[in-house]
């Protein structure tokens, strides 16, 4: 798939989550200050929609059971530290937000 434009930076409020679909991949964008992170939208536990969760700094809590992820890496912080969701590279250029999904 490669790099895809998914939003304008000014469309993503700081501290908020935004779901985008890149072909068949559901991605949640998390803006923390002026930095945007992108990770898979499906919780590793039971498939909850992370884009409907709660963002606290760089921590994203699943709305179903509270599993917590680091949006910078996709790594689960609790309770199963060996679980993760995919994370995707993000590039902001001239106010446009681009992510790389796939190879």
Protein backbone atom coordinates (compact mmCIF):
# COMPACT_ATOMS: atom_id res chain seq x y z
CA UNK A 1 0.00 0.00 0.00
CA UNK A 2 2.75 2.47 0.89
CA UNK A 3 2.29 6.02 2.08
CA UNK A 4 -1.24 7.48 2.07
CA UNK A 5 -2.55 10.95 2.93
CA UNK A 6 -5.16 10.50 5.67
CA UNK A 7 -5.97 13.98 7.03
CA UNK A 8 -4.92 17.57 7.49
CA UNK A 9 -3.21 18.31 10.80
CA UNK A 10 -5.79 21.01 11.59
CA UNK A 11 -8.56 18.36 11.31
CA UNK A 12 -7.07 16.42 14.22
CA UNK A 13 -7.69 18.08 17.59
CA UNK A 14 -4.90 17.61 20.14
CA UNK A 15 -5.77 14.97 22.72
CA UNK A 16 -8.37 13.36 20.46
CA UNK A 17 -8.68 10.13 18.49
CA UNK A 18 -9.71 9.87 14.85
CA UNK A 19 -10.44 6.69 12.92
CA UNK A 20 -9.42 6.44 9.29
CA UNK A 21 -9.65 3.55 6.85
CA UNK A 22 -6.74 2.87 4.55
CA UNK A 23 -8.02 0.35 2.03
CA UNK A 24 -9.12 -2.50 4.33
CA UNK A 25 -7.06 -1.41 7.35
CA UNK A 26 -8.77 0.41 10.25
CA UNK A 27 -6.33 2.89 11.80
CA UNK A 28 -6.69 5.18 14.81
CA UNK A 29 -4.86 8.51 14.70
CA UNK A 30 -3.90 10.02 18.04
CA UNK A 31 -2.70 13.61 18.20
CA UNK A 32 -0.55 14.33 21.23
CA UNK A 33 0.43 17.99 21.13
CA UNK A 34 1.69 18.59 17.60
CA UNK A 35 2.68 14.95 17.07
CA UNK A 36 0.41 12.42 15.37
CA UNK A 37 0.66 8.69 15.99
CA UNK A 38 -1.09 5.91 14.09
CA UNK A 39 -1.89 2.39 15.23
CA UNK A 40 -4.36 -0.39 14.53
CA UNK A 41 -7.91 0.32 15.66
CA UNK A 42 -8.66 -3.21 16.92
CA UNK A 43 -7.79 -4.15 20.52
CA UNK A 44 -5.68 -7.31 20.80
CA UNK A 45 -7.90 -8.57 23.64
CA UNK A 46 -11.38 -8.95 22.16
CA UNK A 47 -11.41 -6.64 19.17
CA UNK A 48 -12.72 -3.47 20.78
CA UNK A 49 -12.62 -0.26 18.70
CA UNK A 50 -9.65 1.68 20.07
CA UNK A 51 -10.79 4.83 18.23
CA UNK A 52 -13.71 4.95 20.69
CA UNK A 53 -11.38 4.65 23.67
CA UNK A 54 -9.81 7.26 25.92
CA UNK A 55 -6.49 8.97 25.23
CA UNK A 56 -4.39 10.15 28.16
CA UNK A 57 -1.05 11.50 26.99
CA UNK A 58 0.36 8.70 24.86
CA UNK A 59 -1.77 6.03 26.53
CA UNK A 60 -4.87 4.75 24.79
CA UNK A 61 -7.44 2.74 26.77
CA UNK A 62 -9.80 0.33 24.99
CA UNK A 63 -13.44 1.25 25.69
CA UNK A 64 -14.49 -2.37 26.25
CA UNK A 65 -12.17 -3.70 28.97
CA UNK A 66 -9.59 -0.96 29.56
CA UNK A 67 -6.58 -2.60 27.96
CA UNK A 68 -3.99 0.16 27.66
CA UNK A 69 -1.68 0.77 24.68
CA UNK A 70 1.20 3.15 23.97
CA UNK A 71 0.19 4.95 20.77
CA UNK A 72 3.86 5.56 19.92
CA UNK A 73 4.63 1.84 19.58
CA UNK A 74 1.36 -0.13 19.73
CA UNK A 75 2.72 -2.00 22.77
CA UNK A 76 0.17 -3.10 25.36
CA UNK A 77 0.98 -1.52 28.73
CA UNK A 78 -1.48 -3.56 30.79
CA UNK A 79 -2.63 -6.15 31.53
CA UNK A 80 -0.89 -8.31 28.86
CA UNK A 81 2.46 -6.67 28.21
CA UNK A 82 3.26 -9.13 25.42
CA UNK A 83 0.22 -8.03 23.37
CA UNK A 84 0.36 -5.22 20.83
CA UNK A 85 -1.48 -3.58 17.97
CA UNK A 86 0.26 -2.55 14.75
CA UNK A 87 1.82 0.91 14.69
CA UNK A 88 2.39 2.84 11.49
CA UNK A 89 4.92 5.52 10.54
CA UNK A 90 3.45 9.02 10.35
CA UNK A 91 4.78 12.00 8.42
CA UNK A 92 3.38 15.53 8.53
CA UNK A 93 4.30 17.68 5.54
CA UNK A 94 2.86 21.13 4.83
CA UNK A 95 -0.05 20.42 7.21
CA UNK A 96 -0.90 17.10 5.54
CA UNK A 97 -0.78 13.87 7.56
CA UNK A 98 0.59 10.80 5.79
CA UNK A 99 0.88 7.25 7.14
CA UNK A 100 2.59 4.19 5.76
CA UNK A 101 0.52 1.03 5.91
CA UNK A 102 1.90 -2.20 4.51
CA UNK A 103 5.07 -2.65 2.51
